[in-house]
Amino acid sequence: MAAMGEIAILLQGHNAEANRHRAWRVEAGRDLFEKWMVRVSFGRIGCRGRTFAREFTSEDEAHAYVRDGLRRRKGAIRRCGVE
């Protein structure tokens, strides 16, 4: 995935009292073969975390996937205790 860069979002949450430090990053753009790719990385800050990628046939599908991920992150307070 070389040509990522059309969308790049990094969200971080810190809760020192609970020792929770989380990050969520999403990148979306076209790869070298002109296919839309979305790469998501998440986990504890300072650790390796997890990364996965999905391929889409259109820009609209990729943007919808990113919007859905951002909507889910909005509820992260309930899941991991970090805003």
PDB file of N, CA and C in Angstrom:
ATOM      1  N   MET A   1       0.832  -1.178   0.000  1.00  0.00           N
ATOM      2  CA  MET A   1       0.000   0.000   0.000  1.00  0.00           C
ATOM      3  C   MET A   1       0.874   1.237   0.000  1.00  0.00           C
ATOM      4  N   ALA A   2       1.382   1.573  -1.099  1.00  0.00           N
ATOM      5  CA  ALA A   2       2.347   2.660  -1.160  1.00  0.00           C
ATOM      6  C   ALA A   2       1.720   4.041  -1.201  1.00  0.00           C
ATOM      7  N   ALA A   3       0.674   4.237  -1.948  1.00  0.00           N
ATOM      8  CA  ALA A   3       0.187   5.584  -2.209  1.00  0.00           C
ATOM      9  C   ALA A   3      -0.923   6.045  -1.276  1.00  0.00           C
ATOM     10  N   MET A   4      -0.939   5.578  -0.045  1.00  0.00           N
ATOM     11  CA  MET A   4      -1.936   6.043   0.914  1.00  0.00           C
ATOM     12  C   MET A   4      -1.682   7.496   1.243  1.00  0.00           C
ATOM     13  N   GLY A   5      -2.714   8.254   1.422  1.00  0.00           N
ATOM     14  CA  GLY A   5      -2.509   9.623   1.826  1.00  0.00           C
ATOM     15  C   GLY A   5      -3.671  10.544   1.536  1.00  0.00           C
ATOM     16  N   GLU A   6      -4.716  10.059   0.903  1.00  0.00           N
ATOM     17  CA  GLU A   6      -5.842  10.927   0.612  1.00  0.00           C
ATOM     18  C   GLU A   6      -6.676  11.188   1.848  1.00  0.00           C
ATOM     19  N   ILE A   7      -6.724  10.242   2.773  1.00  0.00           N
ATOM     20  CA  ILE A   7      -7.352  10.430   4.078  1.00  0.00           C
ATOM     21  C   ILE A   7      -6.406   9.839   5.107  1.00  0.00           C
ATOM     22  N   ALA A   8      -6.105  10.587   6.140  1.00  0.00           N
ATOM     23  CA  ALA A   8      -5.286  10.072   7.245  1.00  0.00           C
ATOM     24  C   ALA A   8      -5.808  10.696   8.528  1.00  0.00           C
ATOM     25  N   ILE A   9      -6.336   9.867   9.420  1.00  0.00           N
ATOM     26  CA  ILE A   9      -6.919  10.335  10.672  1.00  0.00           C
ATOM     27  C   ILE A   9      -6.284   9.563  11.818  1.00  0.00           C
ATOM     28  N   LEU A  10      -5.863  10.273  12.852  1.00  0.00           N
ATOM     29  CA  LEU A  10      -5.313   9.651  14.051  1.00  0.00           C
ATOM     30  C   LEU A  10      -6.094  10.144  15.250  1.00  0.00           C
ATOM     31  N   LEU A  11      -6.672   9.220  16.001  1.00  0.00           N
ATOM     32  CA  LEU A  11      -7.383   9.542  17.232  1.00  0.00           C
ATOM     33  C   LEU A  11      -6.625   8.912  18.394  1.00  0.00           C
ATOM     34  N   GLN A  12      -6.445   9.670  19.471  1.00  0.00           N
ATOM     35  CA  GLN A  12      -5.775   9.146  20.663  1.00  0.00           C
ATOM     36  C   GLN A  12      -6.619   9.461  21.880  1.00  0.00           C
ATOM     37  N   GLY A  13      -6.632   8.525  22.823  1.00  0.00           N
ATOM     38  CA  GLY A  13      -7.335   8.721  24.084  1.00  0.00           C
ATOM     39  C   GLY A  13      -6.425   8.356  25.237  1.00  0.00           C
ATOM     40  N   HIS A  14      -6.413   9.205  26.251  1.00  0.00           N
ATOM     41  CA  HIS A  14      -5.558   8.974  27.422  1.00  0.00           C
ATOM     42  C   HIS A  14      -6.399   9.067  28.688  1.00  0.00           C
ATOM     43  N   ASN A  15      -6.248   8.088  29.560  1.00  0.00           N
ATOM     44  CA  ASN A  15      -6.864   8.107  30.881  1.00  0.00           C
ATOM     45  C   ASN A  15      -5.791   7.628  31.850  1.00  0.00           C
ATOM     46  N   ALA A  16      -5.039   8.579  32.428  1.00  0.00           N
ATOM     47  CA  ALA A  16      -3.902   8.242  33.288  1.00  0.00           C
ATOM     48  C   ALA A  16      -4.344   7.503  34.549  1.00  0.00           C
ATOM     49  N   GLU A  17      -5.501   7.855  35.092  1.00  0.00           N
ATOM     50  CA  GLU A  17      -5.976   7.198  36.313  1.00  0.00           C
ATOM     51  C   GLU A  17      -6.202   5.707  36.103  1.00  0.00           C
ATOM     52  N   ALA A  18      -6.707   5.332  34.948  1.00  0.00           N
ATOM     53  CA  ALA A  18      -6.974   3.931  34.640  1.00  0.00           C
ATOM     54  C   ALA A  18      -5.829   3.290  33.858  1.00  0.00           C
ATOM     55  N   ASN A  19      -4.742   4.037  33.604  1.00  0.00           N
ATOM     56  CA  ASN A  19      -3.596   3.557  32.834  1.00  0.00           C
ATOM     57  C   ASN A  19      -4.034   3.059  31.450  1.00  0.00           C
ATOM     58  N   ARG A  20      -4.894   3.847  30.799  1.00  0.00           N
ATOM     59  CA  ARG A  20      -5.357   3.501  29.459  1.00  0.00           C
ATOM     60  C   ARG A  20      -4.903   4.576  28.487  1.00  0.00           C
ATOM     61  N   HIS A  21      -4.183   4.133  27.483  1.00  0.00           N
ATOM     62  CA  HIS A  21      -3.665   5.022  26.448  1.00  0.00           C
ATOM     63  C   HIS A  21      -3.879   4.308  25.114  1.00  0.00           C
ATOM     64  N   ARG A  22      -4.858   4.753  24.355  1.00  0.00           N
ATOM     65  CA  ARG A  22      -5.275   4.065  23.135  1.00  0.00           C
ATOM     66  C   ARG A  22      -5.126   4.967  21.909  1.00  0.00           C
ATOM     67  N   ALA A  23      -4.916   4.324  20.779  1.00  0.00           N
ATOM     68  CA  ALA A  23      -4.819   5.051  19.508  1.00  0.00           C
ATOM     69  C   ALA A  23      -5.599   4.291  18.445  1.00  0.00           C
ATOM     70  N   TRP A  24      -6.155   5.041  17.506  1.00  0.00           N
ATOM     71  CA  TRP A  24      -6.863   4.491  16.357  1.00  0.00           C
ATOM     72  C   TRP A  24      -6.487   5.332  15.156  1.00  0.00           C
ATOM     73  N   ARG A  25      -5.972   4.707  14.114  1.00  0.00           N
ATOM     74  CA  ARG A  25      -5.532   5.427  12.920  1.00  0.00           C
ATOM     75  C   ARG A  25      -6.158   4.783  11.695  1.00  0.00           C
ATOM     76  N   VAL A  26      -6.624   5.627  10.776  1.00  0.00           N
ATOM     77  CA  VAL A  26      -7.181   5.131   9.525  1.00  0.00           C
ATOM     78  C   VAL A  26      -6.558   5.929   8.380  1.00  0.00           C
ATOM     79  N   GLU A  27      -6.191   5.220   7.326  1.00  0.00           N
ATOM     80  CA  GLU A  27      -5.664   5.827   6.107  1.00  0.00           C
ATOM     81  C   GLU A  27      -6.449   5.251   4.937  1.00  0.00           C
ATOM     82  N   ALA A  28      -6.827   6.103   4.004  1.00  0.00           N
ATOM     83  CA  ALA A  28      -7.549   5.643   2.822  1.00  0.00           C
ATOM     84  C   ALA A  28      -7.003   6.358   1.599  1.00  0.00           C
ATOM     85  N   GLY A  29      -6.892   5.624   0.527  1.00  0.00           N
ATOM     86  CA  GLY A  29      -6.404   6.199  -0.718  1.00  0.00           C
ATOM     87  C   GLY A  29      -6.247   5.114  -1.765  1.00  0.00           C
ATOM     88  N   ARG A  30      -5.715   5.508  -2.890  1.00  0.00           N
ATOM     89  CA  ARG A  30      -5.509   4.543  -3.975  1.00  0.00           C
ATOM     90  C   ARG A  30      -4.132   3.911  -3.850  1.00  0.00           C
ATOM     91  N   ASP A  31      -4.072   2.630  -4.174  1.00  0.00           N
ATOM     92  CA  ASP A  31      -2.779   1.956  -4.194  1.00  0.00           C
ATOM     93  C   ASP A  31      -2.162   2.098  -5.586  1.00  0.00           C
ATOM     94  N   LEU A  32      -1.075   1.420  -5.831  1.00  0.00           N
ATOM     95  CA  LEU A  32      -0.385   1.531  -7.121  1.00  0.00           C
ATOM     96  C   LEU A  32      -1.210   1.000  -8.289  1.00  0.00           C
ATOM     97  N   PHE A  33      -2.199   0.170  -8.001  1.00  0.00           N
ATOM     98  CA  PHE A  33      -3.038  -0.403  -9.044  1.00  0.00           C
ATOM     99  C   PHE A  33      -4.371   0.337  -9.158  1.00  0.00           C
ATOM    100  N   GLU A  34      -4.452   1.541  -8.569  1.00  0.00           N
ATOM    101  CA  GLU A  34      -5.622   2.414  -8.635  1.00  0.00           C
ATOM    102  C   GLU A  34      -6.851   1.855  -7.931  1.00  0.00           C
ATOM    103  N   LYS A  35      -6.680   0.894  -7.026  1.00  0.00           N
ATOM    104  CA  LYS A  35      -7.792   0.393  -6.224  1.00  0.00           C
ATOM    105  C   LYS A  35      -7.821   1.165  -4.915  1.00  0.00           C
ATOM    106  N   TRP A  36      -9.008   1.394  -4.385  1.00  0.00           N
ATOM    107  CA  TRP A  36      -9.149   2.103  -3.120  1.00  0.00           C
ATOM    108  C   TRP A  36      -8.884   1.144  -1.972  1.00  0.00           C
ATOM    109  N   MET A  37      -7.987   1.545  -1.087  1.00  0.00           N
ATOM    110  CA  MET A  37      -7.607   0.737   0.074  1.00  0.00           C
ATOM    111  C   MET A  37      -7.840   1.558   1.337  1.00  0.00           C
ATOM    112  N   VAL A  38      -8.275   0.875   2.388  1.00  0.00           N
ATOM    113  CA  VAL A  38      -8.410   1.494   3.702  1.00  0.00           C
ATOM    114  C   VAL A  38      -7.610   0.642   4.672  1.00  0.00           C
ATOM    115  N   ARG A  39      -6.698   1.282   5.394  1.00  0.00           N
ATOM    116  CA  ARG A  39      -5.870   0.591   6.386  1.00  0.00           C
ATOM    117  C   ARG A  39      -6.206   1.166   7.759  1.00  0.00           C
ATOM    118  N   VAL A  40      -6.529   0.283   8.708  1.00  0.00           N
ATOM    119  CA  VAL A  40      -6.880   0.688  10.068  1.00  0.00           C
ATOM    120  C   VAL A  40      -5.885   0.063  11.039  1.00  0.00           C
ATOM    121  N   SER A  41      -5.343   0.885  11.939  1.00  0.00           N
ATOM    122  CA  SER A  41      -4.441   0.422  12.996  1.00  0.00           C
ATOM    123  C   SER A  41      -5.007   0.889  14.330  1.00  0.00           C
ATOM    124  N   PHE A  42      -4.932   0.031  15.330  1.00  0.00           N
ATOM    125  CA  PHE A  42      -5.459   0.403  16.633  1.00  0.00           C
ATOM    126  C   PHE A  42      -4.753  -0.386  17.730  1.00  0.00           C
ATOM    127  N   GLY A  43      -4.818   0.138  18.950  1.00  0.00           N
ATOM    128  CA  GLY A  43      -4.245  -0.554  20.101  1.00  0.00           C
ATOM    129  C   GLY A  43      -3.694   0.419  21.114  1.00  0.00           C
ATOM    130  N   ARG A  44      -2.951  -0.129  22.049  1.00  0.00           N
ATOM    131  CA  ARG A  44      -2.348   0.657  23.121  1.00  0.00           C
ATOM    132  C   ARG A  44      -1.179   1.460  22.554  1.00  0.00           C
ATOM    133  N   ILE A  45      -1.085   2.727  22.928  1.00  0.00           N
ATOM    134  CA  ILE A  45       0.001   3.584  22.466  1.00  0.00           C
ATOM    135  C   ILE A  45       1.318   3.035  23.005  1.00  0.00           C
ATOM    136  N   GLY A  46       2.309   2.921  22.148  1.00  0.00           N
ATOM    137  CA  GLY A  46       3.615   2.400  22.530  1.00  0.00           C
ATOM    138  C   GLY A  46       3.769   0.911  22.289  1.00  0.00           C
ATOM    139  N   CYS A  47       2.672   0.234  21.933  1.00  0.00           N
ATOM    140  CA  CYS A  47       2.709  -1.193  21.631  1.00  0.00           C
ATOM    141  C   CYS A  47       2.434  -1.391  20.145  1.00  0.00           C
ATOM    142  N   ARG A  48       2.655  -2.584  19.688  1.00  0.00           N
ATOM    143  CA  ARG A  48       2.513  -2.886  18.270  1.00  0.00           C
ATOM    144  C   ARG A  48       1.077  -2.718  17.770  1.00  0.00           C
ATOM    145  N   GLY A  49       0.101  -3.171  18.513  1.00  0.00           N
ATOM    146  CA  GLY A  49      -1.293  -3.049  18.108  1.00  0.00           C
ATOM    147  C   GLY A  49      -1.648  -3.974  16.962  1.00  0.00           C
ATOM    148  N   ARG A  50      -2.766  -3.695  16.344  1.00  0.00           N
ATOM    149  CA  ARG A  50      -3.251  -4.498  15.223  1.00  0.00           C
ATOM    150  C   ARG A  50      -3.475  -3.602  14.012  1.00  0.00           C
ATOM    151  N   THR A  51      -3.304  -4.179  12.843  1.00  0.00           N
ATOM    152  CA  THR A  51      -3.518  -3.459  11.593  1.00  0.00           C
ATOM    153  C   THR A  51      -4.216  -4.389  10.616  1.00  0.00           C
ATOM    154  N   PHE A  52      -5.181  -3.864   9.901  1.00  0.00           N
ATOM    155  CA  PHE A  52      -5.802  -4.632   8.827  1.00  0.00           C
ATOM    156  C   PHE A  52      -6.140  -3.691   7.685  1.00  0.00           C
ATOM    157  N   ALA A  53      -6.317  -4.258   6.514  1.00  0.00           N
ATOM    158  CA  ALA A  53      -6.599  -3.463   5.317  1.00  0.00           C
ATOM    159  C   ALA A  53      -7.773  -4.080   4.569  1.00  0.00           C
ATOM    160  N   ARG A  54      -8.546  -3.200   3.910  1.00  0.00           N
ATOM    161  CA  ARG A  54      -9.655  -3.644   3.062  1.00  0.00           C
ATOM    162  C   ARG A  54      -9.572  -2.928   1.731  1.00  0.00           C
ATOM    163  N   GLU A  55      -9.986  -3.622   0.707  1.00  0.00           N
ATOM    164  CA  GLU A  55      -9.977  -3.083  -0.651  1.00  0.00           C
ATOM    165  C   GLU A  55     -11.415  -2.787  -1.083  1.00  0.00           C
ATOM    166  N   PHE A  56     -11.605  -1.662  -1.793  1.00  0.00           N
ATOM    167  CA  PHE A  56     -12.926  -1.258  -2.243  1.00  0.00           C
ATOM    168  C   PHE A  56     -12.892  -0.944  -3.732  1.00  0.00           C
ATOM    169  N   THR A  57     -14.051  -1.076  -4.367  1.00  0.00           N
ATOM    170  CA  THR A  57     -14.125  -0.834  -5.803  1.00  0.00           C
ATOM    171  C   THR A  57     -14.327   0.633  -6.139  1.00  0.00           C
ATOM    172  N   SER A  58     -14.791   1.431  -5.175  1.00  0.00           N
ATOM    173  CA  SER A  58     -15.022   2.843  -5.467  1.00  0.00           C
ATOM    174  C   SER A  58     -14.630   3.714  -4.279  1.00  0.00           C
ATOM    175  N   GLU A  59     -14.441   4.988  -4.568  1.00  0.00           N
ATOM    176  CA  GLU A  59     -14.108   5.967  -3.538  1.00  0.00           C
ATOM    177  C   GLU A  59     -15.252   6.108  -2.541  1.00  0.00           C
ATOM    178  N   ASP A  60     -16.489   6.082  -3.025  1.00  0.00           N
ATOM    179  CA  ASP A  60     -17.648   6.219  -2.146  1.00  0.00           C
ATOM    180  C   ASP A  60     -17.723   5.098  -1.120  1.00  0.00           C
ATOM    181  N   GLU A  61     -17.439   3.868  -1.545  1.00  0.00           N
ATOM    182  CA  GLU A  61     -17.445   2.740  -0.613  1.00  0.00           C
ATOM    183  C   GLU A  61     -16.361   2.895   0.448  1.00  0.00           C
ATOM    184  N   ALA A  62     -15.182   3.328   0.041  1.00  0.00           N
ATOM    185  CA  ALA A  62     -14.082   3.514   0.985  1.00  0.00           C
ATOM    186  C   ALA A  62     -14.415   4.610   1.995  1.00  0.00           C
ATOM    187  N   HIS A  63     -14.970   5.719   1.519  1.00  0.00           N
ATOM    188  CA  HIS A  63     -15.331   6.818   2.427  1.00  0.00           C
ATOM    189  C   HIS A  63     -16.453   6.403   3.373  1.00  0.00           C
ATOM    190  N   ALA A  64     -17.407   5.625   2.894  1.00  0.00           N
ATOM    191  CA  ALA A  64     -18.484   5.140   3.759  1.00  0.00           C
ATOM    192  C   ALA A  64     -17.920   4.246   4.862  1.00  0.00           C
ATOM    193  N   TYR A  65     -16.950   3.422   4.522  1.00  0.00           N
ATOM    194  CA  TYR A  65     -16.312   2.550   5.517  1.00  0.00           C
ATOM    195  C   TYR A  65     -15.581   3.378   6.582  1.00  0.00           C
ATOM    196  N   VAL A  66     -14.883   4.423   6.159  1.00  0.00           N
ATOM    197  CA  VAL A  66     -14.182   5.305   7.098  1.00  0.00           C
ATOM    198  C   VAL A  66     -15.188   6.021   7.995  1.00  0.00           C
ATOM    199  N   ARG A  67     -16.267   6.532   7.416  1.00  0.00           N
ATOM    200  CA  ARG A  67     -17.305   7.217   8.215  1.00  0.00           C
ATOM    201  C   ARG A  67     -17.905   6.278   9.251  1.00  0.00           C
ATOM    202  N   ASP A  68     -18.148   5.026   8.861  1.00  0.00           N
ATOM    203  CA  ASP A  68     -18.698   4.054   9.799  1.00  0.00           C
ATOM    204  C   ASP A  68     -17.723   3.793  10.946  1.00  0.00           C
ATOM    205  N   GLY A  69     -16.438   3.707  10.625  1.00  0.00           N
ATOM    206  CA  GLY A  69     -15.429   3.511  11.669  1.00  0.00           C
ATOM    207  C   GLY A  69     -15.368   4.683  12.630  1.00  0.00           C
ATOM    208  N   LEU A  70     -15.471   5.895  12.113  1.00  0.00           N
ATOM    209  CA  LEU A  70     -15.478   7.081  12.975  1.00  0.00           C
ATOM    210  C   LEU A  70     -16.719   7.105  13.862  1.00  0.00           C
ATOM    211  N   ARG A  71     -17.838   6.697  13.321  1.00  0.00           N
ATOM    212  CA  ARG A  71     -19.073   6.627  14.108  1.00  0.00           C
ATOM    213  C   ARG A  71     -18.914   5.635  15.262  1.00  0.00           C
ATOM    214  N   ARG A  72     -18.265   4.503  14.986  1.00  0.00           N
ATOM    215  CA  ARG A  72     -18.040   3.504  16.037  1.00  0.00           C
ATOM    216  C   ARG A  72     -17.067   4.021  17.087  1.00  0.00           C
ATOM    217  N   ARG A  73     -16.066   4.780  16.675  1.00  0.00           N
ATOM    218  CA  ARG A  73     -15.097   5.341  17.627  1.00  0.00           C
ATOM    219  C   ARG A  73     -15.774   6.327  18.570  1.00  0.00           C
ATOM    220  N   LYS A  74     -16.821   6.953  18.111  1.00  0.00           N
ATOM    221  CA  LYS A  74     -17.554   7.901  18.955  1.00  0.00           C
ATOM    222  C   LYS A  74     -18.078   7.212  20.222  1.00  0.00           C
ATOM    223  N   GLY A  75     -18.370   5.931  20.150  1.00  0.00           N
ATOM    224  CA  GLY A  75     -18.845   5.159  21.304  1.00  0.00           C
ATOM    225  C   GLY A  75     -17.735   4.460  22.063  1.00  0.00           C
ATOM    226  N   ALA A  76     -16.487   4.810  21.800  1.00  0.00           N
ATOM    227  CA  ALA A  76     -15.350   4.134  22.447  1.00  0.00           C
ATOM    228  C   ALA A  76     -15.298   4.362  23.949  1.00  0.00           C
ATOM    229  N   ILE A  77     -15.923   5.431  24.427  1.00  0.00           N
ATOM    230  CA  ILE A  77     -15.904   5.704  25.862  1.00  0.00           C
ATOM    231  C   ILE A  77     -16.509   4.533  26.623  1.00  0.00           C
ATOM    232  N   ARG A  78     -17.601   3.998  26.135  1.00  0.00           N
ATOM    233  CA  ARG A  78     -18.253   2.860  26.809  1.00  0.00           C
ATOM    234  C   ARG A  78     -17.386   1.604  26.745  1.00  0.00           C
ATOM    235  N   ARG A  79     -16.709   1.394  25.620  1.00  0.00           N
ATOM    236  CA  ARG A  79     -15.951   0.154  25.444  1.00  0.00           C
ATOM    237  C   ARG A  79     -14.612   0.150  26.151  1.00  0.00           C
ATOM    238  N   CYS A  80     -13.864   1.222  26.062  1.00  0.00           N
ATOM    239  CA  CYS A  80     -12.505   1.180  26.626  1.00  0.00           C
ATOM    240  C   CYS A  80     -12.244   2.249  27.675  1.00  0.00           C
ATOM    241  N   GLY A  81     -13.236   3.073  27.982  1.00  0.00           N
ATOM    242  CA  GLY A  81     -13.089   4.037  29.059  1.00  0.00           C
ATOM    243  C   GLY A  81     -12.237   5.237  28.731  1.00  0.00           C
ATOM    244  N   VAL A  82     -12.004   5.499  27.442  1.00  0.00           N
ATOM    245  CA  VAL A  82     -11.178   6.624  27.009  1.00  0.00           C
ATOM    246  C   VAL A  82     -11.966   7.423  25.980  1.00  0.00           C
ATOM    247  N   GLU A  83     -11.978   8.748  26.136  1.00  0.00           N
ATOM    248  CA  GLU A  83     -12.674   9.604  25.159  1.00  0.00           C
ATOM    249  C   GLU A  83     -11.911   9.658  23.860  1.00  0.00           C
TER     250      GLU A  83
END
